[in-house]
Amino acid sequence: MPMPQPADPLHDDHDAAASTATPTDTTKTVALMGAVAASLVVMSVLHLSGVIQGGSKPYRPGGAGIAEAVIAVVLATGAFALRRAPGRARRLALGATGFAIAGFLVGLSFTLRGGSPVDIAYHLTGLPVLLITLAFLLRRRAPA
C-alpha cells in the first residue's frame, strides 16, 4: 500500500478545479507575466549599465533600472506561483500584476517628462500587456 505524500502547499491537484480558467488560460497568463518580467530585466540592465542614458529631470536611468529590477522580481514571483498553484496563487498574481501596472504608470510619468523615446515606447508597449494580463486574471473565479 503506497504511503500518503505530505501536502505540498504550492501544488495541489485540486487547484485546477478551483478556477474557471483552463490550463491554456493559465499558461498564457504565466507567459505574459514572464515575458514582461524578462523585458524588465533587459531594460534594467540597459539602464544600470549606462547603455540607455540621457533624459532630463525627473528621469534618472539608475533609478529606472532599480525600479525595473524590483518589478521584475515581483512579477516573476507571481508568475512562478501561478504556474505552481493556479487556484491558490491567483491573489498573489493579481497583486504582482497590479504592482507592475502601478510601476509602469509611475515610470511612464517620469519618462514622459524627461526620458528617452526608447523608454517611452517601452512603457507604452508593456502597459497594455500588463492590462491584458490583469484582465485574464480577473476572468478567473476565486478559489472556493
Protein backbone atom coordinates (compact mmCIF):
# COMPACT_ATOMS: atom_id res chain seq x y z
CA MET A 1 0.00 0.00 0.00
CA PRO A 2 1.53 3.35 -1.04
CA MET A 3 2.34 5.86 1.68
CA PRO A 4 0.37 9.11 1.51
CA GLN A 5 2.53 12.03 0.48
CA PRO A 6 2.59 15.18 2.60
CA ALA A 7 0.65 18.07 1.15
CA ASP A 8 2.71 20.48 -0.89
CA PRO A 9 1.35 23.97 -0.13
CA LEU A 10 2.31 25.24 -3.60
CA HIS A 11 0.98 22.35 -5.64
CA ASP A 12 -2.44 20.84 -5.16
CA ASP A 13 -4.17 18.64 -7.72
CA HIS A 14 -7.43 20.36 -6.84
CA ASP A 15 -6.18 23.80 -7.89
CA ALA A 16 -7.42 23.41 -11.46
CA ALA A 17 -10.95 22.78 -10.22
CA ALA A 18 -10.85 25.92 -8.09
CA SER A 19 -10.84 28.19 -11.11
CA THR A 20 -12.79 28.72 -14.29
CA ALA A 21 -9.51 29.22 -16.12
CA THR A 22 -8.35 26.41 -18.37
CA PRO A 23 -4.75 25.20 -18.27
CA THR A 24 -4.26 27.11 -21.53
CA ASP A 25 -5.51 30.35 -19.91
CA THR A 26 -3.11 29.87 -17.03
CA THR A 27 -0.24 29.13 -19.41
CA LYS A 28 -0.99 32.30 -21.39
CA THR A 29 -1.18 34.41 -18.26
CA VAL A 30 2.08 32.97 -16.90
CA ALA A 31 3.72 33.53 -20.29
CA LEU A 32 2.62 37.18 -20.37
CA MET A 33 3.84 37.78 -16.83
CA GLY A 34 7.12 36.04 -17.59
CA ALA A 35 7.64 37.97 -20.82
CA VAL A 36 7.15 41.32 -19.11
CA ALA A 37 9.40 40.26 -16.22
CA ALA A 38 12.12 39.25 -18.71
CA SER A 39 11.77 42.53 -20.59
CA LEU A 40 12.10 44.41 -17.31
CA VAL A 41 15.35 42.58 -16.59
CA VAL A 42 16.68 43.62 -20.01
CA MET A 43 15.66 47.25 -19.51
CA SER A 44 17.10 47.24 -16.00
CA VAL A 45 20.46 46.00 -17.28
CA LEU A 46 20.43 48.58 -20.08
CA HIS A 47 19.71 51.39 -17.62
CA LEU A 48 22.12 50.29 -14.91
CA SER A 49 24.97 49.62 -17.36
CA GLY A 50 24.59 53.06 -18.93
CA VAL A 51 23.58 51.82 -22.38
CA ILE A 52 20.39 53.89 -22.08
CA GLN A 53 21.38 57.33 -20.86
CA GLY A 54 20.29 60.89 -21.10
CA GLY A 55 16.99 62.42 -20.39
CA SER A 56 16.21 65.25 -18.07
CA LYS A 57 14.79 65.58 -14.57
CA PRO A 58 12.85 63.90 -13.07
CA TYR A 59 14.03 60.91 -15.13
CA ARG A 60 17.13 59.08 -13.84
CA PRO A 61 18.36 55.95 -15.66
CA GLY A 62 19.84 54.45 -12.46
CA GLY A 63 16.58 54.88 -10.59
CA ALA A 64 14.68 53.40 -13.50
CA GLY A 65 16.98 50.37 -13.55
CA ILE A 66 16.49 49.67 -9.86
CA ALA A 67 12.70 50.05 -10.13
CA GLU A 68 12.62 47.74 -13.15
CA ALA A 69 14.62 45.09 -11.30
CA VAL A 70 12.28 45.18 -8.31
CA ILE A 71 9.18 44.99 -10.51
CA ALA A 72 10.74 42.10 -12.47
CA VAL A 73 11.30 40.09 -9.28
CA VAL A 74 7.75 40.72 -8.03
CA LEU A 75 6.20 39.84 -11.39
CA ALA A 76 8.35 36.72 -11.84
CA THR A 77 7.41 35.57 -8.34
CA GLY A 78 3.73 35.98 -9.17
CA ALA A 79 4.14 34.08 -12.44
CA PHE A 80 6.03 31.24 -10.75
CA ALA A 81 3.38 30.92 -8.03
CA LEU A 82 0.56 30.99 -10.58
CA ARG A 83 2.26 28.24 -12.58
CA ARG A 84 2.70 26.07 -9.49
CA ALA A 85 -0.73 26.56 -7.90
CA PRO A 86 -3.19 28.30 -10.23
CA GLY A 87 -6.12 28.28 -7.83
CA ARG A 88 -4.36 29.46 -4.71
CA ALA A 89 -1.88 31.85 -6.32
CA ARG A 90 -4.49 33.98 -8.06
CA ARG A 91 -4.37 36.72 -5.42
CA LEU A 92 -0.58 36.78 -5.48
CA ALA A 93 -0.58 37.02 -9.28
CA LEU A 94 -3.18 39.80 -9.14
CA GLY A 95 -1.11 41.69 -6.58
CA ALA A 96 2.09 41.25 -8.59
CA THR A 97 0.40 42.39 -11.79
CA GLY A 98 -1.19 45.37 -10.04
CA PHE A 99 2.20 46.30 -8.60
CA ALA A 100 3.75 46.08 -12.08
CA ILE A 101 0.97 48.22 -13.58
CA ALA A 102 1.49 50.85 -10.89
CA GLY A 103 5.24 50.75 -11.53
CA PHE A 104 4.74 51.14 -15.27
CA LEU A 105 2.42 54.13 -14.70
CA VAL A 106 4.97 55.79 -12.42
CA GLY A 107 7.73 55.01 -14.93
CA LEU A 108 5.67 56.39 -17.78
CA SER A 109 5.08 59.56 -15.79
CA PHE A 110 8.83 60.03 -15.34
CA THR A 111 9.74 59.12 -18.91
CA LEU A 112 7.10 61.40 -20.45
CA ARG A 113 8.64 64.30 -18.54
CA GLY A 114 12.28 63.56 -19.28
CA GLY A 115 13.04 60.09 -20.60
CA SER A 116 14.25 58.85 -23.92
CA PRO A 117 11.97 57.79 -26.78
CA VAL A 118 13.05 54.17 -26.14
CA ASP A 119 11.81 54.39 -22.54
CA ILE A 120 8.52 55.95 -23.57
CA ALA A 121 7.96 53.29 -26.25
CA TYR A 122 8.81 50.54 -23.77
CA HIS A 123 6.28 51.77 -21.22
CA LEU A 124 3.60 52.29 -23.87
CA THR A 125 4.17 48.72 -25.10
CA GLY A 126 4.45 46.98 -21.74
CA LEU A 127 1.48 48.65 -20.08
CA PRO A 128 -1.15 47.17 -22.43
CA VAL A 129 0.40 43.71 -21.99
CA LEU A 130 0.06 44.07 -18.24
CA LEU A 131 -3.53 45.26 -18.58
CA ILE A 132 -4.34 42.21 -20.71
CA THR A 133 -2.69 40.03 -18.07
CA LEU A 134 -4.82 41.69 -15.40
CA ALA A 135 -7.96 41.05 -17.48
CA PHE A 136 -7.04 37.35 -17.78
CA LEU A 137 -6.55 37.14 -14.02
CA LEU A 138 -9.81 38.93 -13.27
CA ARG A 139 -11.70 36.49 -15.51
CA ARG A 140 -10.67 33.68 -13.20
CA ARG A 141 -13.13 32.77 -10.49
CA ALA A 142 -11.69 33.00 -7.00
CA PRO A 143 -10.95 29.66 -5.34
CA ALA A 144 -13.79 28.09 -3.38
